[in-house]
Amino acid sequence: MNLDKDRTALLIIDMQTYQAAKGANLPRFFGLIQGPEVETGAVRKGKELIPVIRKLLAAFRAGGMKVIYTAFGSLAADGADLAPYVRRWNEYCLARLGIPAIVSIHDPGYGIVRHLAPLPGEPVINKTAQGAFNSSAIDHVLKQMGIDNLVVAGMYTNHCVMATCIGAADAGYRVIVPEDAVGTWDPDLHEKAMQSMRTWIIRSDSAAILEVIQSLAAGADPSA
């Protein structure tokens, strides 16, 4: 695999406290509509992804490569700017649990989990739907930064990861997805989502990405 150090960014999707922590909004919503095992699986996968993504994050930073985050939330306190289907999630969740499924940017759970917290100067781009490329300024930001290769990590494979990866590929980006750096509550569902994306993405794993970055740092040609 060949990567251009200056034109490649690590894109970390929605690794927010409210998305994966025990007792948090989105796992509780998934549990409400699909069963308690889904809530448990979502929390478990969030914990499992953190060390994998931390290694990628450390390598990108050490190599002087760009890191971008997305975060899913409403700018308006009442969620009025969310996509209509997301507002329906919130209405359902509020009626039954008393909390929104997708929080506003002012909610304490909106922030990126502390183990993956962005450094000063690393962009965190808010989106108001699952796909970042039709609900945020990410395309403009990446183009201004000269990025056209994305290594994607985060949650959930069958939701925001897939929507964002397809949007990125359709917008002209080369999208690389290390299969162990993205996840969802069920391994079979994760695999089906990865298979569904296969014509849009390059499937890889974190070990292969780390090897390429190490080769770049050493001045070697990773495609050799």
C-alpha atoms as a PDB file:
ATOM      1  CA  MET A   1       0.000   0.000   0.000  1.00  0.00           C
ATOM      2  CA  ASN A   2       1.258   3.451  -0.917  1.00  0.00           C
ATOM      3  CA  LEU A   3       0.449   6.540   1.161  1.00  0.00           C
ATOM      4  CA  ASP A   4       1.504  10.122   0.597  1.00  0.00           C
ATOM      5  CA  LYS A   5       2.434  11.495   4.014  1.00  0.00           C
ATOM      6  CA  ASP A   6       1.343  15.020   3.153  1.00  0.00           C
ATOM      7  CA  ARG A   7      -1.947  14.054   1.510  1.00  0.00           C
ATOM      8  CA  THR A   8      -3.196  11.455   3.995  1.00  0.00           C
ATOM      9  CA  ALA A   9      -5.212  12.022   7.164  1.00  0.00           C
ATOM     10  CA  LEU A  10      -6.519   9.802   9.922  1.00  0.00           C
ATOM     11  CA  LEU A  11     -10.272  10.374  10.160  1.00  0.00           C
ATOM     12  CA  ILE A  12     -11.693   9.334  13.538  1.00  0.00           C
ATOM     13  CA  ILE A  13     -15.461   9.049  13.371  1.00  0.00           C
ATOM     14  CA  ASP A  14     -17.685   9.833  16.352  1.00  0.00           C
ATOM     15  CA  MET A  15     -15.619   8.383  19.194  1.00  0.00           C
ATOM     16  CA  GLN A  16     -17.682  10.435  21.619  1.00  0.00           C
ATOM     17  CA  THR A  17     -18.556   9.689  25.223  1.00  0.00           C
ATOM     18  CA  TYR A  18     -22.303   9.600  24.601  1.00  0.00           C
ATOM     19  CA  GLN A  19     -21.846   7.157  21.715  1.00  0.00           C
ATOM     20  CA  ALA A  20     -20.093   4.327  23.508  1.00  0.00           C
ATOM     21  CA  ALA A  21     -19.833   4.733  27.288  1.00  0.00           C
ATOM     22  CA  LYS A  22     -21.807   2.528  29.660  1.00  0.00           C
ATOM     23  CA  GLY A  23     -25.204   4.073  30.316  1.00  0.00           C
ATOM     24  CA  ALA A  24     -24.723   6.635  27.540  1.00  0.00           C
ATOM     25  CA  ASN A  25     -27.390   7.927  25.185  1.00  0.00           C
ATOM     26  CA  LEU A  26     -26.747   6.124  21.913  1.00  0.00           C
ATOM     27  CA  PRO A  27     -26.134   2.613  23.321  1.00  0.00           C
ATOM     28  CA  ARG A  28     -29.305   3.006  25.389  1.00  0.00           C
ATOM     29  CA  PHE A  29     -31.225   4.022  22.274  1.00  0.00           C
ATOM     30  CA  PHE A  30     -29.906   1.018  20.355  1.00  0.00           C
ATOM     31  CA  GLY A  31     -30.841  -1.187  23.314  1.00  0.00           C
ATOM     32  CA  LEU A  32     -34.327   0.307  23.370  1.00  0.00           C
ATOM     33  CA  ILE A  33     -35.046  -0.448  19.725  1.00  0.00           C
ATOM     34  CA  GLN A  34     -33.043  -3.678  19.291  1.00  0.00           C
ATOM     35  CA  GLY A  35     -32.577  -5.281  22.703  1.00  0.00           C
ATOM     36  CA  PRO A  36     -30.236  -5.108  25.715  1.00  0.00           C
ATOM     37  CA  GLU A  37     -27.557  -7.239  24.059  1.00  0.00           C
ATOM     38  CA  VAL A  38     -27.110  -4.485  21.469  1.00  0.00           C
ATOM     39  CA  GLU A  39     -26.522  -1.880  24.176  1.00  0.00           C
ATOM     40  CA  THR A  40     -23.977  -4.169  25.853  1.00  0.00           C
ATOM     41  CA  GLY A  41     -22.258  -4.936  22.549  1.00  0.00           C
ATOM     42  CA  ALA A  42     -21.991  -1.262  21.621  1.00  0.00           C
ATOM     43  CA  VAL A  43     -20.312  -0.389  24.915  1.00  0.00           C
ATOM     44  CA  ARG A  44     -17.965  -3.366  24.648  1.00  0.00           C
ATOM     45  CA  LYS A  45     -16.911  -2.499  21.105  1.00  0.00           C
ATOM     46  CA  GLY A  46     -16.256   1.106  22.077  1.00  0.00           C
ATOM     47  CA  LYS A  47     -13.790  -0.077  24.719  1.00  0.00           C
ATOM     48  CA  GLU A  48     -12.135  -2.525  22.317  1.00  0.00           C
ATOM     49  CA  LEU A  49     -11.577   0.106  19.642  1.00  0.00           C
ATOM     50  CA  ILE A  50      -9.810   2.629  21.859  1.00  0.00           C
ATOM     51  CA  PRO A  51      -6.386   0.893  22.069  1.00  0.00           C
ATOM     52  CA  VAL A  52      -6.389   0.143  18.330  1.00  0.00           C
ATOM     53  CA  ILE A  53      -7.195   3.730  17.414  1.00  0.00           C
ATOM     54  CA  ARG A  54      -4.693   5.062  19.971  1.00  0.00           C
ATOM     55  CA  LYS A  55      -1.883   3.254  18.147  1.00  0.00           C
ATOM     56  CA  LEU A  56      -2.922   4.746  14.826  1.00  0.00           C
ATOM     57  CA  LEU A  57      -3.290   8.160  16.417  1.00  0.00           C
ATOM     58  CA  ALA A  58       0.173   7.991  17.963  1.00  0.00           C
ATOM     59  CA  ALA A  59       1.729   6.906  14.661  1.00  0.00           C
ATOM     60  CA  PHE A  60       0.052   9.652  12.632  1.00  0.00           C
ATOM     61  CA  ARG A  61       1.051  12.291  15.156  1.00  0.00           C
ATOM     62  CA  ALA A  62       4.627  11.032  15.410  1.00  0.00           C
ATOM     63  CA  GLY A  63       4.874  11.068  11.625  1.00  0.00           C
ATOM     64  CA  GLY A  64       3.619  14.637  11.378  1.00  0.00           C
ATOM     65  CA  MET A  65       0.490  13.499   9.547  1.00  0.00           C
ATOM     66  CA  LYS A  66      -2.935  15.073   9.804  1.00  0.00           C
ATOM     67  CA  VAL A  67      -5.637  13.908  12.220  1.00  0.00           C
ATOM     68  CA  ILE A  68      -9.295  14.883  11.777  1.00  0.00           C
ATOM     69  CA  TYR A  69     -12.251  14.028  13.994  1.00  0.00           C
ATOM     70  CA  THR A  70     -15.964  14.027  13.338  1.00  0.00           C
ATOM     71  CA  ALA A  71     -18.543  14.416  16.078  1.00  0.00           C
ATOM     72  CA  PHE A  72     -22.280  13.825  15.699  1.00  0.00           C
ATOM     73  CA  GLY A  73     -24.517  16.373  17.398  1.00  0.00           C
ATOM     74  CA  SER A  74     -26.889  19.268  16.991  1.00  0.00           C
ATOM     75  CA  LEU A  75     -25.816  22.890  17.055  1.00  0.00           C
ATOM     76  CA  ALA A  76     -29.293  23.864  18.229  1.00  0.00           C
ATOM     77  CA  ALA A  77     -30.159  22.950  21.808  1.00  0.00           C
ATOM     78  CA  ASP A  78     -33.461  21.414  20.686  1.00  0.00           C
ATOM     79  CA  GLY A  79     -31.902  19.382  17.864  1.00  0.00           C
ATOM     80  CA  ALA A  80     -33.798  21.293  15.182  1.00  0.00           C
ATOM     81  CA  ASP A  81     -30.802  21.236  12.813  1.00  0.00           C
ATOM     82  CA  LEU A  82     -30.468  17.440  12.830  1.00  0.00           C
ATOM     83  CA  ALA A  83     -31.566  15.441   9.792  1.00  0.00           C
ATOM     84  CA  PRO A  84     -35.312  14.659   9.986  1.00  0.00           C
ATOM     85  CA  TYR A  85     -34.790  10.937  10.591  1.00  0.00           C
ATOM     86  CA  VAL A  86     -32.379  11.737  13.442  1.00  0.00           C
ATOM     87  CA  ARG A  87     -34.980  14.036  14.981  1.00  0.00           C
ATOM     88  CA  ARG A  88     -37.367  11.077  14.900  1.00  0.00           C
ATOM     89  CA  TRP A  89     -34.783   9.005  16.797  1.00  0.00           C
ATOM     90  CA  ASN A  90     -34.648  11.743  19.404  1.00  0.00           C
ATOM     91  CA  GLU A  91     -38.421  12.045  19.696  1.00  0.00           C
ATOM     92  CA  TYR A  92     -38.736   8.293  20.243  1.00  0.00           C
ATOM     93  CA  CYS A  93     -35.857   8.156  22.723  1.00  0.00           C
ATOM     94  CA  LEU A  94     -37.053  11.203  24.672  1.00  0.00           C
ATOM     95  CA  ALA A  95     -40.562   9.775  24.948  1.00  0.00           C
ATOM     96  CA  ARG A  96     -39.343   6.461  26.361  1.00  0.00           C
ATOM     97  CA  LEU A  97     -36.055   7.170  28.130  1.00  0.00           C
ATOM     98  CA  GLY A  98     -36.209  10.903  28.742  1.00  0.00           C
ATOM     99  CA  ILE A  99     -32.950  11.519  26.860  1.00  0.00           C
ATOM    100  CA  PRO A 100     -32.109  12.210  23.203  1.00  0.00           C
ATOM    101  CA  ALA A 101     -30.345   9.547  21.146  1.00  0.00           C
ATOM    102  CA  ILE A 102     -28.135  12.224  19.550  1.00  0.00           C
ATOM    103  CA  VAL A 103     -27.067  15.044  21.857  1.00  0.00           C
ATOM    104  CA  SER A 104     -26.333  18.707  21.248  1.00  0.00           C
ATOM    105  CA  ILE A 105     -22.808  20.094  21.168  1.00  0.00           C
ATOM    106  CA  HIS A 106     -23.471  21.567  24.622  1.00  0.00           C
ATOM    107  CA  ASP A 107     -24.045  18.165  26.256  1.00  0.00           C
ATOM    108  CA  PRO A 108     -21.201  16.898  28.502  1.00  0.00           C
ATOM    109  CA  GLY A 109     -21.220  13.588  26.624  1.00  0.00           C
ATOM    110  CA  TYR A 110     -20.623  15.227  23.246  1.00  0.00           C
ATOM    111  CA  GLY A 111     -16.840  15.351  23.593  1.00  0.00           C
ATOM    112  CA  ILE A 112     -14.344  12.830  22.233  1.00  0.00           C
ATOM    113  CA  VAL A 113     -13.437  10.090  24.738  1.00  0.00           C
ATOM    114  CA  ARG A 114     -10.465  11.187  26.819  1.00  0.00           C
ATOM    115  CA  HIS A 115      -8.100   8.423  25.643  1.00  0.00           C
ATOM    116  CA  LEU A 116      -8.449   9.716  22.074  1.00  0.00           C
ATOM    117  CA  ALA A 117      -8.814  13.411  22.852  1.00  0.00           C
ATOM    118  CA  PRO A 118      -7.751  15.783  20.068  1.00  0.00           C
ATOM    119  CA  LEU A 119      -4.683  17.918  20.491  1.00  0.00           C
ATOM    120  CA  PRO A 120      -4.898  21.679  19.984  1.00  0.00           C
ATOM    121  CA  GLY A 121      -5.115  22.335  16.262  1.00  0.00           C
ATOM    122  CA  GLU A 122      -6.636  18.960  15.335  1.00  0.00           C
ATOM    123  CA  PRO A 123     -10.017  19.733  13.747  1.00  0.00           C
ATOM    124  CA  VAL A 124     -13.207  18.328  15.249  1.00  0.00           C
ATOM    125  CA  ILE A 125     -15.919  18.690  12.625  1.00  0.00           C
ATOM    126  CA  ASN A 126     -19.529  18.522  13.736  1.00  0.00           C
ATOM    127  CA  LYS A 127     -22.067  16.726  11.581  1.00  0.00           C
ATOM    128  CA  THR A 128     -25.830  16.577  11.878  1.00  0.00           C
ATOM    129  CA  ALA A 129     -26.474  13.251  10.150  1.00  0.00           C
ATOM    130  CA  GLN A 130     -24.667   9.928   9.842  1.00  0.00           C
ATOM    131  CA  GLY A 131     -22.733  10.819   6.718  1.00  0.00           C
ATOM    132  CA  ALA A 132     -20.172  13.574   7.246  1.00  0.00           C
ATOM    133  CA  PHE A 133     -19.947  14.527   3.574  1.00  0.00           C
ATOM    134  CA  ASN A 134     -23.551  15.690   3.294  1.00  0.00           C
ATOM    135  CA  SER A 135     -23.999  17.189   6.769  1.00  0.00           C
ATOM    136  CA  SER A 136     -20.789  19.067   7.539  1.00  0.00           C
ATOM    137  CA  ALA A 137     -17.995  21.171   6.068  1.00  0.00           C
ATOM    138  CA  ILE A 138     -15.556  18.246   6.020  1.00  0.00           C
ATOM    139  CA  ASP A 139     -15.069  18.183   2.244  1.00  0.00           C
ATOM    140  CA  HIS A 140     -14.121  21.858   2.202  1.00  0.00           C
ATOM    141  CA  VAL A 141     -11.780  21.438   5.181  1.00  0.00           C
ATOM    142  CA  LEU A 142      -9.981  18.421   3.709  1.00  0.00           C
ATOM    143  CA  LYS A 143      -9.555  20.047   0.306  1.00  0.00           C
ATOM    144  CA  GLN A 144      -8.093  23.191   1.886  1.00  0.00           C
ATOM    145  CA  MET A 145      -5.652  20.973   3.804  1.00  0.00           C
ATOM    146  CA  GLY A 146      -4.608  19.174   0.609  1.00  0.00           C
ATOM    147  CA  ILE A 147      -5.898  15.795   1.790  1.00  0.00           C
ATOM    148  CA  ASP A 148      -7.143  13.199  -0.661  1.00  0.00           C
ATOM    149  CA  ASN A 149      -6.372   9.948   1.198  1.00  0.00           C
ATOM    150  CA  LEU A 150      -8.327   9.008   4.334  1.00  0.00           C
ATOM    151  CA  VAL A 151      -7.595   6.264   6.836  1.00  0.00           C
ATOM    152  CA  VAL A 152     -10.886   5.811   8.667  1.00  0.00           C
ATOM    153  CA  ALA A 153     -11.437   4.653  12.253  1.00  0.00           C
ATOM    154  CA  GLY A 154     -14.353   4.845  14.677  1.00  0.00           C
ATOM    155  CA  MET A 155     -17.989   3.865  15.195  1.00  0.00           C
ATOM    156  CA  TYR A 156     -20.355   2.431  14.075  1.00  0.00           C
ATOM    157  CA  THR A 157     -19.393   0.400  11.008  1.00  0.00           C
ATOM    158  CA  ASN A 158     -22.988  -0.042   9.846  1.00  0.00           C
ATOM    159  CA  HIS A 159     -24.007   3.553  10.541  1.00  0.00           C
ATOM    160  CA  CYS A 160     -21.757   6.634  10.478  1.00  0.00           C
ATOM    161  CA  VAL A 161     -18.616   4.841   9.286  1.00  0.00           C
ATOM    162  CA  MET A 162     -20.303   3.372   6.225  1.00  0.00           C
ATOM    163  CA  ALA A 163     -22.226   6.547   5.386  1.00  0.00           C
ATOM    164  CA  THR A 164     -19.094   8.681   5.695  1.00  0.00           C
ATOM    165  CA  CYS A 165     -16.843   6.282   3.772  1.00  0.00           C
ATOM    166  CA  ILE A 166     -19.243   6.066   0.842  1.00  0.00           C
ATOM    167  CA  GLY A 167     -19.682   9.834   0.855  1.00  0.00           C
ATOM    168  CA  ALA A 168     -15.916  10.318   0.901  1.00  0.00           C
ATOM    169  CA  ALA A 169     -15.334   7.921  -1.975  1.00  0.00           C
ATOM    170  CA  ASP A 170     -18.086   9.555  -4.027  1.00  0.00           C
ATOM    171  CA  ALA A 171     -16.455  12.937  -3.337  1.00  0.00           C
ATOM    172  CA  GLY A 172     -13.200  11.671  -4.847  1.00  0.00           C
ATOM    173  CA  TYR A 173     -11.204  10.555  -1.819  1.00  0.00           C
ATOM    174  CA  ARG A 174      -9.213   7.356  -1.585  1.00  0.00           C
ATOM    175  CA  VAL A 175     -10.696   5.674   1.494  1.00  0.00           C
ATOM    176  CA  ILE A 176      -8.772   3.073   3.485  1.00  0.00           C
ATOM    177  CA  VAL A 177     -10.557   1.270   6.311  1.00  0.00           C
ATOM    178  CA  PRO A 178      -8.534  -0.819   8.772  1.00  0.00           C
ATOM    179  CA  GLU A 179     -11.137  -3.408   9.724  1.00  0.00           C
ATOM    180  CA  ASP A 180     -10.012  -3.637  13.358  1.00  0.00           C
ATOM    181  CA  ALA A 181     -10.182   0.142  13.879  1.00  0.00           C
ATOM    182  CA  VAL A 182     -13.913   0.390  13.151  1.00  0.00           C
ATOM    183  CA  GLY A 183     -16.685  -1.544  14.809  1.00  0.00           C
ATOM    184  CA  THR A 184     -20.265  -2.059  15.843  1.00  0.00           C
ATOM    185  CA  TRP A 185     -22.145  -4.112  18.425  1.00  0.00           C
ATOM    186  CA  ASP A 186     -22.202  -7.366  16.458  1.00  0.00           C
ATOM    187  CA  PRO A 187     -19.264  -8.939  14.555  1.00  0.00           C
ATOM    188  CA  ASP A 188     -21.519 -10.311  11.802  1.00  0.00           C
ATOM    189  CA  LEU A 189     -23.118  -6.920  11.285  1.00  0.00           C
ATOM    190  CA  HIS A 190     -19.647  -5.353  11.156  1.00  0.00           C
ATOM    191  CA  GLU A 191     -18.561  -7.825   8.484  1.00  0.00           C
ATOM    192  CA  LYS A 192     -21.705  -7.264   6.419  1.00  0.00           C
ATOM    193  CA  ALA A 193     -21.098  -3.520   6.524  1.00  0.00           C
ATOM    194  CA  MET A 194     -17.476  -3.990   5.475  1.00  0.00           C
ATOM    195  CA  GLN A 195     -18.618  -6.178   2.591  1.00  0.00           C
ATOM    196  CA  SER A 196     -21.232  -3.610   1.583  1.00  0.00           C
ATOM    197  CA  MET A 197     -18.514  -0.947   1.330  1.00  0.00           C
ATOM    198  CA  ARG A 198     -16.082  -3.093  -0.633  1.00  0.00           C
ATOM    199  CA  THR A 199     -16.510  -1.295  -3.969  1.00  0.00           C
ATOM    200  CA  TRP A 200     -15.909   2.123  -2.347  1.00  0.00           C
ATOM    201  CA  ILE A 201     -13.019   1.424   0.023  1.00  0.00           C
ATOM    202  CA  ILE A 202      -9.658  -0.253   0.370  1.00  0.00           C
ATOM    203  CA  ARG A 203      -9.951  -2.771   3.186  1.00  0.00           C
ATOM    204  CA  SER A 204      -6.908  -3.162   5.398  1.00  0.00           C
ATOM    205  CA  ASP A 205      -5.965  -3.581   9.051  1.00  0.00           C
ATOM    206  CA  SER A 206      -4.196  -1.398  11.574  1.00  0.00           C
ATOM    207  CA  ALA A 207      -0.978  -3.431  11.497  1.00  0.00           C
ATOM    208  CA  ALA A 208      -0.589  -2.825   7.759  1.00  0.00           C
ATOM    209  CA  ILE A 209      -1.263   0.900   8.168  1.00  0.00           C
ATOM    210  CA  LEU A 210       1.273   1.165  10.990  1.00  0.00           C
ATOM    211  CA  GLU A 211       3.867  -0.629   8.864  1.00  0.00           C
ATOM    212  CA  VAL A 212       3.380   1.857   6.021  1.00  0.00           C
ATOM    213  CA  ILE A 213       3.686   4.827   8.377  1.00  0.00           C
ATOM    214  CA  GLN A 214       6.855   3.385   9.903  1.00  0.00           C
ATOM    215  CA  SER A 215       8.281   2.975   6.397  1.00  0.00           C
ATOM    216  CA  LEU A 216       7.457   6.593   5.624  1.00  0.00           C
ATOM    217  CA  ALA A 217       9.173   7.708   8.819  1.00  0.00           C
ATOM    218  CA  ALA A 218      12.242   5.692   7.865  1.00  0.00           C
ATOM    219  CA  GLY A 219      12.312   7.237   4.403  1.00  0.00           C
ATOM    220  CA  ALA A 220      11.560   3.947   2.665  1.00  0.00           C
ATOM    221  CA  ASP A 221       9.182   3.474  -0.256  1.00  0.00           C
ATOM    222  CA  PRO A 222       6.164   1.653   1.281  1.00  0.00           C
ATOM    223  CA  SER A 223       5.047   0.438  -2.145  1.00  0.00           C
ATOM    224  CA  ALA A 224       8.336  -1.331  -2.800  1.00  0.00           C
END
